[in-house]
């Protein structure tokens, strides 16, 4: 799905001829084409109409790139990532490809991007944003791609807090699997943010066509740094949640073993007395006659031994 934004308005699914006509006037009316889920026709447009380098077309079709900024004849090719929190409770990343020129901007992505839709609506309401040099428009698009990561990290933070509370109440193996899954996602996002940090550090140190835009890109760089630090903190929180899980399971096991030990200890003297009174010695049968006295003496001895044990256990804090 293609959408072309200029000061003359928005054009949905423009054909190559319309695209080329506006591209020739891009220095006058601005030019931003956004391509979602590129088809073979879209790739052909990038290759033949814009005449982008085949290596960049290959990057667009084959995902799994790292954030980067490469220079080509008349334009630059940038790869950025944005994190998002899915409805299934997982942290995922979206890959964005951008062709940057002094007079035009082309963005390519696979999934729907509501933040870019909002920016396009804003440009339709304020066409002057897209007029002239595209550096400021590029900043707006880059900022719209980077900022949603804050919301995803905030949701992850809330999820980790809820996970820790659930572990303290009652730990089970599903929580451990959740911790490992989130930790894997956080590690991937951390690698991407580290590469984006280096990318923007390079970008703000290079000469821009409009030096006044340096402050805007430094603001984006600051956002990436904050996100990188937040990911580090969240990774530490997940490690702490795993420690809480292991401690909770260990404490629960200790409580269970203590209860079983107390029960076994109570029955130990009872078993001894039962075996002792059950021996057919002539002395015992003579002393404990008649049988009625033998029953009460045996039961009374067992109860007394149990009460003494319970008193000792309570005094030592085992009960």
C-alpha atoms as a PDB file:
ATOM      1  CA  UNK A   1       0.000   0.000   0.000  1.00  0.00           C
ATOM      2  CA  UNK A   2       1.508   3.314  -1.134  1.00  0.00           C
ATOM      3  CA  UNK A   3       0.677   6.794   0.140  1.00  0.00           C
ATOM      4  CA  UNK A   4       2.261   9.939  -1.306  1.00  0.00           C
ATOM      5  CA  UNK A   5       2.183  13.154   0.730  1.00  0.00           C
ATOM      6  CA  UNK A   6       2.995  16.553  -0.803  1.00  0.00           C
ATOM      7  CA  UNK A   7       1.845  20.102  -0.269  1.00  0.00           C
ATOM      8  CA  UNK A   8      -0.664  19.431  -3.059  1.00  0.00           C
ATOM      9  CA  UNK A   9      -2.371  16.780  -0.950  1.00  0.00           C
ATOM     10  CA  UNK A  10      -2.290  13.048  -0.313  1.00  0.00           C
ATOM     11  CA  UNK A  11      -2.302  10.498  -3.106  1.00  0.00           C
ATOM     12  CA  UNK A  12      -3.199   6.903  -2.294  1.00  0.00           C
ATOM     13  CA  UNK A  13      -1.782   4.142  -4.489  1.00  0.00           C
ATOM     14  CA  UNK A  14      -0.151   6.555  -6.976  1.00  0.00           C
ATOM     15  CA  UNK A  15       0.987   4.941 -10.207  1.00  0.00           C
ATOM     16  CA  UNK A  16       4.604   5.279 -11.416  1.00  0.00           C
ATOM     17  CA  UNK A  17       3.717   8.151 -13.752  1.00  0.00           C
ATOM     18  CA  UNK A  18       2.099  10.213 -10.979  1.00  0.00           C
ATOM     19  CA  UNK A  19       4.983   9.401  -8.657  1.00  0.00           C
ATOM     20  CA  UNK A  20       7.557  10.525 -11.212  1.00  0.00           C
ATOM     21  CA  UNK A  21       5.693  13.776 -11.931  1.00  0.00           C
ATOM     22  CA  UNK A  22       5.674  14.749  -8.254  1.00  0.00           C
ATOM     23  CA  UNK A  23       9.239  13.537  -7.785  1.00  0.00           C
ATOM     24  CA  UNK A  24      10.398  15.991 -10.455  1.00  0.00           C
ATOM     25  CA  UNK A  25       8.732  18.825  -8.491  1.00  0.00           C
ATOM     26  CA  UNK A  26       9.718  17.568  -5.044  1.00  0.00           C
ATOM     27  CA  UNK A  27      12.007  20.572  -4.391  1.00  0.00           C
ATOM     28  CA  UNK A  28       8.937  22.842  -4.726  1.00  0.00           C
ATOM     29  CA  UNK A  29       6.075  20.876  -3.144  1.00  0.00           C
ATOM     30  CA  UNK A  30       7.849  18.350  -0.906  1.00  0.00           C
ATOM     31  CA  UNK A  31       7.645  14.615  -1.255  1.00  0.00           C
ATOM     32  CA  UNK A  32       7.081  11.773   1.224  1.00  0.00           C
ATOM     33  CA  UNK A  33       6.067   8.332   0.036  1.00  0.00           C
ATOM     34  CA  UNK A  34       5.184   5.715   2.641  1.00  0.00           C
ATOM     35  CA  UNK A  35       5.004   2.081   1.515  1.00  0.00           C
ATOM     36  CA  UNK A  36       3.382  -0.499   3.783  1.00  0.00           C
ATOM     37  CA  UNK A  37       3.835  -4.237   3.118  1.00  0.00           C
ATOM     38  CA  UNK A  38       5.691  -3.711  -0.189  1.00  0.00           C
ATOM     39  CA  UNK A  39       4.538  -5.837  -3.112  1.00  0.00           C
ATOM     40  CA  UNK A  40       6.430  -6.723  -6.272  1.00  0.00           C
ATOM     41  CA  UNK A  41       5.005  -3.597  -7.903  1.00  0.00           C
ATOM     42  CA  UNK A  42       6.275  -1.453  -5.033  1.00  0.00           C
ATOM     43  CA  UNK A  43       9.751  -2.971  -5.292  1.00  0.00           C
ATOM     44  CA  UNK A  44       9.712  -2.326  -9.027  1.00  0.00           C
ATOM     45  CA  UNK A  45       8.792   1.302  -8.319  1.00  0.00           C
ATOM     46  CA  UNK A  46      11.733   1.665  -5.933  1.00  0.00           C
ATOM     47  CA  UNK A  47      14.097   0.083  -8.407  1.00  0.00           C
ATOM     48  CA  UNK A  48      12.995   1.655 -11.709  1.00  0.00           C
ATOM     49  CA  UNK A  49      11.295   4.939 -10.836  1.00  0.00           C
ATOM     50  CA  UNK A  50      13.516   6.029  -7.933  1.00  0.00           C
ATOM     51  CA  UNK A  51      16.513   4.040  -9.246  1.00  0.00           C
ATOM     52  CA  UNK A  52      17.611   3.004  -5.765  1.00  0.00           C
ATOM     53  CA  UNK A  53      20.631   0.746  -5.423  1.00  0.00           C
ATOM     54  CA  UNK A  54      19.916  -3.028  -5.676  1.00  0.00           C
ATOM     55  CA  UNK A  55      21.579  -3.622  -2.311  1.00  0.00           C
ATOM     56  CA  UNK A  56      19.003  -1.399  -0.609  1.00  0.00           C
ATOM     57  CA  UNK A  57      16.174  -3.223  -2.390  1.00  0.00           C
ATOM     58  CA  UNK A  58      17.634  -6.476  -1.093  1.00  0.00           C
ATOM     59  CA  UNK A  59      17.646  -5.081   2.465  1.00  0.00           C
ATOM     60  CA  UNK A  60      13.988  -4.106   2.088  1.00  0.00           C
ATOM     61  CA  UNK A  61      12.984  -7.597   0.974  1.00  0.00           C
ATOM     62  CA  UNK A  62      15.217  -9.512   3.393  1.00  0.00           C
ATOM     63  CA  UNK A  63      14.621  -8.439   6.969  1.00  0.00           C
ATOM     64  CA  UNK A  64      16.860  -9.011   9.957  1.00  0.00           C
ATOM     65  CA  UNK A  65      19.074  -5.978   9.301  1.00  0.00           C
ATOM     66  CA  UNK A  66      20.706  -3.959  12.041  1.00  0.00           C
ATOM     67  CA  UNK A  67      20.214  -0.195  12.463  1.00  0.00           C
ATOM     68  CA  UNK A  68      22.502   1.513   9.974  1.00  0.00           C
ATOM     69  CA  UNK A  69      23.034   4.601   7.816  1.00  0.00           C
ATOM     70  CA  UNK A  70      24.636   4.164   4.392  1.00  0.00           C
ATOM     71  CA  UNK A  71      25.543   6.768   1.767  1.00  0.00           C
ATOM     72  CA  UNK A  72      24.636   6.379  -1.902  1.00  0.00           C
ATOM     73  CA  UNK A  73      24.702   8.687  -4.899  1.00  0.00           C
ATOM     74  CA  UNK A  74      22.192  11.453  -4.149  1.00  0.00           C
ATOM     75  CA  UNK A  75      20.550   9.830  -1.107  1.00  0.00           C
ATOM     76  CA  UNK A  76      21.138   7.941   2.113  1.00  0.00           C
ATOM     77  CA  UNK A  77      19.648   4.651   3.244  1.00  0.00           C
ATOM     78  CA  UNK A  78      18.682   4.240   6.892  1.00  0.00           C
ATOM     79  CA  UNK A  79      17.358   1.249   8.841  1.00  0.00           C
ATOM     80  CA  UNK A  80      15.588   1.896  12.159  1.00  0.00           C
ATOM     81  CA  UNK A  81      13.629  -0.210  14.623  1.00  0.00           C
ATOM     82  CA  UNK A  82      10.714   0.479  16.913  1.00  0.00           C
ATOM     83  CA  UNK A  83       9.594  -1.713  19.805  1.00  0.00           C
ATOM     84  CA  UNK A  84       5.930  -2.464  20.403  1.00  0.00           C
ATOM     85  CA  UNK A  85       3.939  -4.325  23.038  1.00  0.00           C
ATOM     86  CA  UNK A  86       1.709  -6.978  21.478  1.00  0.00           C
ATOM     87  CA  UNK A  87      -1.767  -8.013  22.624  1.00  0.00           C
ATOM     88  CA  UNK A  88      -0.268 -11.371  23.629  1.00  0.00           C
ATOM     89  CA  UNK A  89       1.981  -9.667  26.168  1.00  0.00           C
ATOM     90  CA  UNK A  90       5.284  -9.807  24.318  1.00  0.00           C
ATOM     91  CA  UNK A  91       7.900  -7.269  23.301  1.00  0.00           C
ATOM     92  CA  UNK A  92       8.536  -7.234  19.540  1.00  0.00           C
ATOM     93  CA  UNK A  93      10.371  -4.979  17.096  1.00  0.00           C
ATOM     94  CA  UNK A  94       9.310  -3.466  13.759  1.00  0.00           C
ATOM     95  CA  UNK A  95      11.870  -2.764  11.048  1.00  0.00           C
ATOM     96  CA  UNK A  96      11.716   0.491   9.041  1.00  0.00           C
ATOM     97  CA  UNK A  97      13.690   1.350   5.901  1.00  0.00           C
ATOM     98  CA  UNK A  98      14.145   4.977   4.890  1.00  0.00           C
ATOM     99  CA  UNK A  99      15.541   6.638   1.765  1.00  0.00           C
ATOM    100  CA  UNK A 100      16.709  10.148   2.660  1.00  0.00           C
ATOM    101  CA  UNK A 101      17.418  12.945   0.209  1.00  0.00           C
ATOM    102  CA  UNK A 102      17.539  16.713   0.392  1.00  0.00           C
ATOM    103  CA  UNK A 103      14.240  16.919  -1.521  1.00  0.00           C
ATOM    104  CA  UNK A 104      12.333  13.692  -0.852  1.00  0.00           C
ATOM    105  CA  UNK A 105      11.739  10.942   1.681  1.00  0.00           C
ATOM    106  CA  UNK A 106      10.632   7.328   1.153  1.00  0.00           C
ATOM    107  CA  UNK A 107       9.741   4.997   4.035  1.00  0.00           C
ATOM    108  CA  UNK A 108       9.109   1.254   3.765  1.00  0.00           C
ATOM    109  CA  UNK A 109       7.751  -1.066   6.463  1.00  0.00           C
ATOM    110  CA  UNK A 110       5.846  -4.339   6.689  1.00  0.00           C
ATOM    111  CA  UNK A 111       3.350  -3.825   9.500  1.00  0.00           C
ATOM    112  CA  UNK A 112       0.789  -1.035   9.992  1.00  0.00           C
ATOM    113  CA  UNK A 113       2.307   2.020  11.693  1.00  0.00           C
ATOM    114  CA  UNK A 114      -0.340   4.107  13.514  1.00  0.00           C
ATOM    115  CA  UNK A 115       2.278   6.673  14.568  1.00  0.00           C
ATOM    116  CA  UNK A 116       3.159   7.338  10.908  1.00  0.00           C
ATOM    117  CA  UNK A 117      -0.540   7.522  10.047  1.00  0.00           C
ATOM    118  CA  UNK A 118      -0.934  10.254  12.687  1.00  0.00           C
ATOM    119  CA  UNK A 119       2.027  12.132  11.252  1.00  0.00           C
ATOM    120  CA  UNK A 120       0.591  11.926   7.721  1.00  0.00           C
ATOM    121  CA  UNK A 121      -2.702  13.334   9.020  1.00  0.00           C
ATOM    122  CA  UNK A 122      -0.804  16.178  10.665  1.00  0.00           C
ATOM    123  CA  UNK A 123       1.002  16.976   7.411  1.00  0.00           C
ATOM    124  CA  UNK A 124      -2.300  16.969   5.522  1.00  0.00           C
ATOM    125  CA  UNK A 125      -3.566  19.539   8.023  1.00  0.00           C
ATOM    126  CA  UNK A 126      -0.291  21.528   7.917  1.00  0.00           C
ATOM    127  CA  UNK A 127       1.169  21.134   4.376  1.00  0.00           C
ATOM    128  CA  UNK A 128       3.993  23.602   5.084  1.00  0.00           C
ATOM    129  CA  UNK A 129       5.772  20.847   7.052  1.00  0.00           C
ATOM    130  CA  UNK A 130       6.446  18.964   3.812  1.00  0.00           C
ATOM    131  CA  UNK A 131       7.556  22.026   1.831  1.00  0.00           C
ATOM    132  CA  UNK A 132      11.164  22.643   0.845  1.00  0.00           C
ATOM    133  CA  UNK A 133      14.054  20.634   2.259  1.00  0.00           C
ATOM    134  CA  UNK A 134      13.096  17.261   3.692  1.00  0.00           C
ATOM    135  CA  UNK A 135      15.442  17.317   6.704  1.00  0.00           C
ATOM    136  CA  UNK A 136      12.765  18.492   9.145  1.00  0.00           C
ATOM    137  CA  UNK A 137      10.240  16.030   7.688  1.00  0.00           C
ATOM    138  CA  UNK A 138      12.843  13.299   8.119  1.00  0.00           C
ATOM    139  CA  UNK A 139      13.258  14.287  11.756  1.00  0.00           C
ATOM    140  CA  UNK A 140       9.495  14.083  12.304  1.00  0.00           C
ATOM    141  CA  UNK A 141       9.356  10.594  10.778  1.00  0.00           C
ATOM    142  CA  UNK A 142      12.388   9.392  12.741  1.00  0.00           C
ATOM    143  CA  UNK A 143      10.939  10.785  15.959  1.00  0.00           C
ATOM    144  CA  UNK A 144       7.596   9.085  15.220  1.00  0.00           C
ATOM    145  CA  UNK A 145       9.407   5.752  14.773  1.00  0.00           C
ATOM    146  CA  UNK A 146      11.575   6.041  17.898  1.00  0.00           C
ATOM    147  CA  UNK A 147       9.067   7.346  20.466  1.00  0.00           C
ATOM    148  CA  UNK A 148       6.601   4.378  20.580  1.00  0.00           C
ATOM    149  CA  UNK A 149       9.367   2.303  22.182  1.00  0.00           C
ATOM    150  CA  UNK A 150       8.802   4.274  25.398  1.00  0.00           C
ATOM    151  CA  UNK A 151       5.244   2.972  25.658  1.00  0.00           C
ATOM    152  CA  UNK A 152       6.360  -0.615  24.994  1.00  0.00           C
ATOM    153  CA  UNK A 153       9.027  -0.408  27.712  1.00  0.00           C
ATOM    154  CA  UNK A 154       6.527   1.102  30.158  1.00  0.00           C
ATOM    155  CA  UNK A 155       4.139  -1.784  29.547  1.00  0.00           C
ATOM    156  CA  UNK A 156       6.995  -4.234  30.048  1.00  0.00           C
ATOM    157  CA  UNK A 157       7.858  -2.548  33.352  1.00  0.00           C
ATOM    158  CA  UNK A 158       4.255  -2.936  34.562  1.00  0.00           C
ATOM    159  CA  UNK A 159       4.250  -6.583  33.448  1.00  0.00           C
ATOM    160  CA  UNK A 160       7.429  -7.306  35.423  1.00  0.00           C
ATOM    161  CA  UNK A 161       5.939  -5.685  38.554  1.00  0.00           C
ATOM    162  CA  UNK A 162       2.821  -7.839  38.235  1.00  0.00           C
ATOM    163  CA  UNK A 163       4.981 -10.902  37.646  1.00  0.00           C
ATOM    164  CA  UNK A 164       6.983 -10.279  40.812  1.00  0.00           C
ATOM    165  CA  UNK A 165       3.793  -9.853  42.874  1.00  0.00           C
ATOM    166  CA  UNK A 166       2.383 -13.100  41.465  1.00  0.00           C
ATOM    167  CA  UNK A 167       5.628 -14.932  42.261  1.00  0.00           C
ATOM    168  CA  UNK A 168       5.566 -13.758  45.883  1.00  0.00           C
ATOM    169  CA  UNK A 169       1.945 -14.914  46.271  1.00  0.00           C
ATOM    170  CA  UNK A 170       2.446 -18.292  44.607  1.00  0.00           C
ATOM    171  CA  UNK A 171       5.340 -19.283  42.347  1.00  0.00           C
ATOM    172  CA  UNK A 172       4.866 -21.782  39.520  1.00  0.00           C
ATOM    173  CA  UNK A 173       6.860 -22.880  36.484  1.00  0.00           C
ATOM    174  CA  UNK A 174       4.781 -20.818  34.024  1.00  0.00           C
ATOM    175  CA  UNK A 175       6.177 -17.653  35.610  1.00  0.00           C
ATOM    176  CA  UNK A 176       9.725 -18.899  35.096  1.00  0.00           C
ATOM    177  CA  UNK A 177       8.982 -19.531  31.410  1.00  0.00           C
ATOM    178  CA  UNK A 178       7.537 -16.010  31.148  1.00  0.00           C
ATOM    179  CA  UNK A 179      10.697 -14.523  32.671  1.00  0.00           C
ATOM    180  CA  UNK A 180      12.928 -16.352  30.187  1.00  0.00           C
ATOM    181  CA  UNK A 181      10.723 -15.267  27.255  1.00  0.00           C
ATOM    182  CA  UNK A 182      10.740 -11.606  28.265  1.00  0.00           C
ATOM    183  CA  UNK A 183      14.458 -11.675  28.980  1.00  0.00           C
ATOM    184  CA  UNK A 184      15.128 -12.958  25.470  1.00  0.00           C
ATOM    185  CA  UNK A 185      13.001 -10.159  23.966  1.00  0.00           C
ATOM    186  CA  UNK A 186      14.695  -7.509  26.109  1.00  0.00           C
ATOM    187  CA  UNK A 187      18.132  -8.726  25.023  1.00  0.00           C
ATOM    188  CA  UNK A 188      17.160  -8.392  21.350  1.00  0.00           C
ATOM    189  CA  UNK A 189      15.789  -4.858  21.861  1.00  0.00           C
ATOM    190  CA  UNK A 190      18.940  -3.910  23.759  1.00  0.00           C
ATOM    191  CA  UNK A 191      21.139  -4.943  20.827  1.00  0.00           C
ATOM    192  CA  UNK A 192      19.017  -2.880  18.423  1.00  0.00           C
ATOM    193  CA  UNK A 193      19.024   0.189  20.675  1.00  0.00           C
ATOM    194  CA  UNK A 194      22.788  -0.053  21.055  1.00  0.00           C
ATOM    195  CA  UNK A 195      23.194   0.063  17.275  1.00  0.00           C
ATOM    196  CA  UNK A 196      20.679   2.937  16.989  1.00  0.00           C
ATOM    197  CA  UNK A 197      22.594   4.881  19.631  1.00  0.00           C
ATOM    198  CA  UNK A 198      25.764   4.631  17.533  1.00  0.00           C
ATOM    199  CA  UNK A 199      23.802   5.565  14.394  1.00  0.00           C
ATOM    200  CA  UNK A 200      22.420   8.804  15.835  1.00  0.00           C
ATOM    201  CA  UNK A 201      25.719   9.674  17.440  1.00  0.00           C
ATOM    202  CA  UNK A 202      27.236   9.511  13.966  1.00  0.00           C
ATOM    203  CA  UNK A 203      24.323  11.456  12.472  1.00  0.00           C
ATOM    204  CA  UNK A 204      24.515  14.424  14.851  1.00  0.00           C
ATOM    205  CA  UNK A 205      28.291  14.731  14.441  1.00  0.00           C
ATOM    206  CA  UNK A 206      28.075  14.938  10.645  1.00  0.00           C
ATOM    207  CA  UNK A 207      27.273  18.086   8.705  1.00  0.00           C
ATOM    208  CA  UNK A 208      23.561  18.418   8.032  1.00  0.00           C
ATOM    209  CA  UNK A 209      22.152  20.387   5.123  1.00  0.00           C
ATOM    210  CA  UNK A 210      20.409  22.542   7.745  1.00  0.00           C
ATOM    211  CA  UNK A 211      22.617  22.959  10.855  1.00  0.00           C
ATOM    212  CA  UNK A 212      19.655  24.186  12.924  1.00  0.00           C
ATOM    213  CA  UNK A 213      18.261  20.643  12.809  1.00  0.00           C
ATOM    214  CA  UNK A 214      21.158  19.399  14.934  1.00  0.00           C
ATOM    215  CA  UNK A 215      19.254  20.174  18.126  1.00  0.00           C
ATOM    216  CA  UNK A 216      16.313  18.057  16.926  1.00  0.00           C
ATOM    217  CA  UNK A 217      18.484  15.047  16.170  1.00  0.00           C
ATOM    218  CA  UNK A 218      20.208  15.439  19.523  1.00  0.00           C
ATOM    219  CA  UNK A 219      16.760  15.208  21.066  1.00  0.00           C
ATOM    220  CA  UNK A 220      16.160  11.902  19.225  1.00  0.00           C
ATOM    221  CA  UNK A 221      19.599  10.711  20.330  1.00  0.00           C
ATOM    222  CA  UNK A 222      18.639  11.526  23.924  1.00  0.00           C
ATOM    223  CA  UNK A 223      15.465   9.451  23.526  1.00  0.00           C
ATOM    224  CA  UNK A 224      17.474   6.471  22.293  1.00  0.00           C
ATOM    225  CA  UNK A 225      19.896   6.806  25.230  1.00  0.00           C
ATOM    226  CA  UNK A 226      16.991   6.862  27.691  1.00  0.00           C
ATOM    227  CA  UNK A 227      15.451   3.805  26.069  1.00  0.00           C
ATOM    228  CA  UNK A 228      18.777   1.969  26.174  1.00  0.00           C
ATOM    229  CA  UNK A 229      19.143   2.742  29.880  1.00  0.00           C
ATOM    230  CA  UNK A 230      15.541   1.672  30.523  1.00  0.00           C
ATOM    231  CA  UNK A 231      16.178  -1.656  28.781  1.00  0.00           C
ATOM    232  CA  UNK A 232      19.227  -2.205  30.982  1.00  0.00           C
ATOM    233  CA  UNK A 233      17.111  -1.511  34.069  1.00  0.00           C
ATOM    234  CA  UNK A 234      14.353  -3.840  32.868  1.00  0.00           C
ATOM    235  CA  UNK A 235      16.876  -6.589  32.233  1.00  0.00           C
ATOM    236  CA  UNK A 236      18.082  -6.189  35.827  1.00  0.00           C
ATOM    237  CA  UNK A 237      14.466  -6.320  37.024  1.00  0.00           C
ATOM    238  CA  UNK A 238      13.926  -9.587  35.146  1.00  0.00           C
ATOM    239  CA  UNK A 239      17.071 -11.015  36.736  1.00  0.00           C
ATOM    240  CA  UNK A 240      15.724  -9.884  40.111  1.00  0.00           C
ATOM    241  CA  UNK A 241      12.359 -11.494  39.346  1.00  0.00           C
ATOM    242  CA  UNK A 242      14.146 -14.762  38.605  1.00  0.00           C
ATOM    243  CA  UNK A 243      15.993 -14.504  41.944  1.00  0.00           C
ATOM    244  CA  UNK A 244      12.661 -13.842  43.687  1.00  0.00           C
ATOM    245  CA  UNK A 245      11.201 -16.925  41.998  1.00  0.00           C
ATOM    246  CA  UNK A 246      14.094 -19.155  43.044  1.00  0.00           C
ATOM    247  CA  UNK A 247      14.042 -17.780  46.609  1.00  0.00           C
ATOM    248  CA  UNK A 248      10.281 -18.261  46.881  1.00  0.00           C
ATOM    249  CA  UNK A 249      10.459 -21.830  45.618  1.00  0.00           C
ATOM    250  CA  UNK A 250      13.357 -22.565  47.978  1.00  0.00           C
ATOM    251  CA  UNK A 251      11.514 -21.086  50.968  1.00  0.00           C
ATOM    252  CA  UNK A 252       8.372 -23.030  50.109  1.00  0.00           C
ATOM    253  CA  UNK A 253      10.417 -26.213  49.898  1.00  0.00           C
ATOM    254  CA  UNK A 254      11.996 -25.456  53.275  1.00  0.00           C
ATOM    255  CA  UNK A 255       8.587 -24.952  54.870  1.00  0.00           C
ATOM    256  CA  UNK A 256       7.364 -28.227  53.394  1.00  0.00           C
ATOM    257  CA  UNK A 257      10.434 -30.111  54.578  1.00  0.00           C
ATOM    258  CA  UNK A 258      10.083 -28.618  58.059  1.00  0.00           C
ATOM    259  CA  UNK A 259       6.453 -29.732  58.273  1.00  0.00           C
ATOM    260  CA  UNK A 260       7.365 -33.245  57.113  1.00  0.00           C
ATOM    261  CA  UNK A 261      10.240 -33.364  59.598  1.00  0.00           C
ATOM    262  CA  UNK A 262       7.953 -32.354  62.484  1.00  0.00           C
ATOM    263  CA  UNK A 263       5.414 -35.030  61.510  1.00  0.00           C
ATOM    264  CA  UNK A 264       8.125 -37.686  61.230  1.00  0.00           C
ATOM    265  CA  UNK A 265       9.612 -36.596  64.543  1.00  0.00           C
ATOM    266  CA  UNK A 266       6.214 -36.888  66.283  1.00  0.00           C
ATOM    267  CA  UNK A 267       5.662 -40.408  65.034  1.00  0.00           C
ATOM    268  CA  UNK A 268       9.201 -41.555  65.859  1.00  0.00           C
ATOM    269  CA  UNK A 269       8.687 -42.048  69.637  1.00  0.00           C
ATOM    270  CA  UNK A 270       5.153 -43.348  69.027  1.00  0.00           C
ATOM    271  CA  UNK A 271       6.552 -46.017  66.731  1.00  0.00           C
ATOM    272  CA  UNK A 272       9.190 -46.858  69.319  1.00  0.00           C
ATOM    273  CA  UNK A 273       6.640 -47.190  72.151  1.00  0.00           C
ATOM    274  CA  UNK A 274       4.306 -49.242  69.944  1.00  0.00           C
ATOM    275  CA  UNK A 275       7.133 -51.632  69.163  1.00  0.00           C
ATOM    276  CA  UNK A 276       8.291 -51.702  72.788  1.00  0.00           C
ATOM    277  CA  UNK A 277       4.875 -52.545  74.228  1.00  0.00           C
ATOM    278  CA  UNK A 278       4.276 -55.022  71.449  1.00  0.00           C
ATOM    279  CA  UNK A 279       7.170 -57.266  72.562  1.00  0.00           C
ATOM    280  CA  UNK A 280       6.038 -60.485  74.259  1.00  0.00           C
ATOM    281  CA  UNK A 281       8.318 -60.325  77.298  1.00  0.00           C
ATOM    282  CA  UNK A 282       7.080 -62.070  80.439  1.00  0.00           C
ATOM    283  CA  UNK A 283       8.061 -59.053  82.553  1.00  0.00           C
ATOM    284  CA  UNK A 284       5.885 -56.689  80.546  1.00  0.00           C
ATOM    285  CA  UNK A 285       2.906 -59.017  80.468  1.00  0.00           C
ATOM    286  CA  UNK A 286       3.176 -59.450  84.205  1.00  0.00           C
ATOM    287  CA  UNK A 287       3.523 -55.779  85.110  1.00  0.00           C
ATOM    288  CA  UNK A 288       0.866 -54.515  82.750  1.00  0.00           C
ATOM    289  CA  UNK A 289      -1.826 -56.939  83.895  1.00  0.00           C
ATOM    290  CA  UNK A 290      -4.772 -56.660  83.745  1.00  0.00           C
ATOM    291  CA  UNK A 291      -5.022 -55.781  79.984  1.00  0.00           C
ATOM    292  CA  UNK A 292      -7.197 -52.726  80.647  1.00  0.00           C
ATOM    293  CA  UNK A 293      -4.337 -51.004  82.451  1.00  0.00           C
ATOM    294  CA  UNK A 294      -1.940 -51.951  79.648  1.00  0.00           C
ATOM    295  CA  UNK A 295      -4.032 -50.102  77.039  1.00  0.00           C
ATOM    296  CA  UNK A 296      -4.266 -46.876  79.028  1.00  0.00           C
ATOM    297  CA  UNK A 297      -0.620 -46.999  80.053  1.00  0.00           C
ATOM    298  CA  UNK A 298       0.494 -47.463  76.418  1.00  0.00           C
ATOM    299  CA  UNK A 299      -1.776 -44.747  75.015  1.00  0.00           C
ATOM    300  CA  UNK A 300      -0.938 -42.363  77.856  1.00  0.00           C
ATOM    301  CA  UNK A 301       2.781 -42.801  77.292  1.00  0.00           C
ATOM    302  CA  UNK A 302       2.399 -42.040  73.575  1.00  0.00           C
ATOM    303  CA  UNK A 303       0.281 -38.935  74.221  1.00  0.00           C
ATOM    304  CA  UNK A 304       2.719 -37.684  76.847  1.00  0.00           C
ATOM    305  CA  UNK A 305       5.677 -38.151  74.485  1.00  0.00           C
ATOM    306  CA  UNK A 306       3.836 -36.282  71.743  1.00  0.00           C
ATOM    307  CA  UNK A 307       2.959 -33.361  74.055  1.00  0.00           C
ATOM    308  CA  UNK A 308       6.546 -33.072  75.240  1.00  0.00           C
ATOM    309  CA  UNK A 309       7.756 -32.968  71.626  1.00  0.00           C
ATOM    310  CA  UNK A 310       5.216 -30.327  70.617  1.00  0.00           C
ATOM    311  CA  UNK A 311       6.231 -28.169  73.578  1.00  0.00           C
ATOM    312  CA  UNK A 312       9.921 -28.423  72.643  1.00  0.00           C
ATOM    313  CA  UNK A 313       9.202 -27.681  68.960  1.00  0.00           C
ATOM    314  CA  UNK A 314       7.170 -24.620  69.889  1.00  0.00           C
ATOM    315  CA  UNK A 315       9.819 -23.326  72.252  1.00  0.00           C
ATOM    316  CA  UNK A 316      12.459 -23.603  69.500  1.00  0.00           C
ATOM    317  CA  UNK A 317      10.198 -21.834  66.984  1.00  0.00           C
ATOM    318  CA  UNK A 318       9.699 -24.834  64.718  1.00  0.00           C
ATOM    319  CA  UNK A 319       5.911 -24.564  64.999  1.00  0.00           C
END
